[in-house]
Amino acid sequence: MRMKKLKVSVSAMALLLGIGAAFAGSSHQTLEKKWGLNRITGQYEDVTGEVVGTGYSCTGSSAVCTETYPADVNPNDQENDAHDGIAERSDMEAGTFSN
């Protein structure tokens, strides 16, 4: 009877360890997105993960070039995005945006 309890306990621990490992190994979602403000169209363009100077540039201006928002925010349509209410930016980079 003790061997049966031990087998069940070991099996349960293995199952929990496997589930924990699956969650630990899952892909990490970005908590924030970086958006460049295209002054010609007036729309924000997603530049998350791009490097300034390579994927886009911010040059010589004190105007807003990029803004960072929570990942569930679409600054082009905050009324209809997944975020409740209107979100404030968490970071801003100055300059004139171009990509």
Protein backbone atom coordinates (compact mmCIF):
# COMPACT_ATOMS: atom_id res chain seq x y z
CA MET A 1 0.00 0.00 0.00
CA ARG A 2 2.87 2.39 0.78
CA MET A 3 4.45 1.78 -2.62
CA LYS A 4 1.18 2.66 -4.32
CA LYS A 5 0.97 5.96 -2.37
CA LEU A 6 4.58 6.70 -3.25
CA LYS A 7 3.94 6.06 -6.98
CA VAL A 8 0.86 8.31 -6.91
CA SER A 9 2.78 11.05 -5.08
CA VAL A 10 5.72 10.87 -7.48
CA SER A 11 3.35 10.89 -10.47
CA ALA A 12 1.50 13.92 -9.11
CA MET A 13 4.76 15.78 -8.49
CA ALA A 14 5.97 14.96 -12.00
CA LEU A 15 2.73 16.26 -13.47
CA LEU A 16 2.95 19.53 -11.51
CA LEU A 17 6.60 19.94 -12.45
CA GLY A 18 5.73 19.40 -16.11
CA ILE A 19 2.96 21.97 -16.02
CA GLY A 20 5.23 24.47 -14.27
CA ALA A 21 7.96 23.90 -16.85
CA ALA A 22 5.48 24.47 -19.67
CA PHE A 23 4.48 27.85 -18.25
CA ALA A 24 8.09 28.82 -17.55
CA GLY A 25 9.08 27.97 -21.11
CA SER A 26 6.22 29.80 -22.80
CA SER A 27 7.08 32.85 -24.88
CA HIS A 28 7.30 36.13 -23.03
CA GLN A 29 4.89 38.77 -24.24
CA THR A 30 5.99 42.37 -24.57
CA LEU A 31 4.40 44.48 -21.85
CA GLU A 32 4.81 47.70 -23.82
CA LYS A 33 4.89 48.76 -27.46
CA LYS A 34 6.80 51.66 -28.98
CA TRP A 35 5.04 53.76 -31.60
CA GLY A 36 6.52 56.33 -34.02
CA LEU A 37 4.34 59.32 -34.88
CA ASN A 38 4.24 59.77 -38.67
CA ARG A 39 3.67 63.54 -39.07
CA ILE A 40 2.58 63.16 -42.71
CA THR A 41 -0.29 60.72 -42.03
CA GLY A 42 -0.88 61.69 -38.39
CA GLN A 43 -0.88 57.97 -37.53
CA TYR A 44 1.34 56.01 -35.17
CA GLU A 45 3.46 53.19 -36.60
CA ASP A 46 4.53 50.24 -34.44
CA VAL A 47 8.35 50.28 -34.08
CA THR A 48 8.55 47.86 -31.14
CA GLY A 49 11.87 46.04 -31.22
CA GLU A 50 13.34 48.25 -33.95
CA VAL A 51 16.56 50.12 -33.25
CA VAL A 52 16.70 53.90 -33.63
CA GLY A 53 19.05 54.71 -36.51
CA THR A 54 18.45 51.33 -38.16
CA GLY A 55 14.67 50.71 -38.26
CA TYR A 56 13.63 54.32 -37.83
CA SER A 57 15.14 57.69 -36.96
CA CYS A 58 14.30 60.65 -34.74
CA THR A 59 16.06 63.79 -35.92
CA GLY A 60 16.52 67.39 -34.74
CA SER A 61 13.25 68.45 -33.20
CA SER A 62 11.64 68.77 -29.78
CA ALA A 63 8.39 67.33 -31.15
CA VAL A 64 7.20 63.83 -30.28
CA CYS A 65 9.01 61.17 -32.32
CA THR A 66 8.09 57.98 -30.47
CA GLU A 67 5.83 57.15 -27.55
CA THR A 68 5.63 53.96 -25.51
CA TYR A 69 2.27 52.57 -24.38
CA PRO A 70 1.04 49.36 -22.72
CA ALA A 71 0.94 46.47 -25.24
CA ASP A 72 -2.88 46.44 -25.35
CA VAL A 73 -3.09 50.10 -26.41
CA ASN A 74 -3.45 51.26 -30.00
CA PRO A 75 -2.76 55.01 -29.93
CA ASN A 76 -4.47 55.34 -33.32
CA ASP A 77 -7.80 54.12 -31.89
CA GLN A 78 -7.77 54.09 -28.08
CA GLU A 79 -11.56 54.09 -27.89
CA ASN A 80 -11.72 50.65 -29.55
CA ASP A 81 -8.50 48.95 -28.39
CA ALA A 82 -8.22 46.24 -25.73
CA HIS A 83 -7.19 48.70 -22.98
CA ASP A 84 -9.83 50.14 -20.66
CA GLY A 85 -10.04 53.92 -20.89
CA ILE A 86 -7.45 56.24 -22.38
CA ALA A 87 -3.87 55.24 -21.57
CA GLU A 88 -1.04 57.65 -20.86
CA ARG A 89 2.32 57.09 -22.49
CA SER A 90 5.09 55.74 -20.28
CA ASP A 91 7.99 57.13 -22.33
CA MET A 92 8.59 59.68 -25.11
CA GLU A 93 11.49 60.22 -27.50
CA ALA A 94 11.88 63.66 -29.11
CA GLY A 95 12.61 64.30 -32.77
CA THR A 96 11.03 64.05 -36.20
CA PHE A 97 10.08 60.45 -36.94
CA SER A 98 11.01 58.75 -40.21
CA ASN A 99 11.33 55.12 -41.19
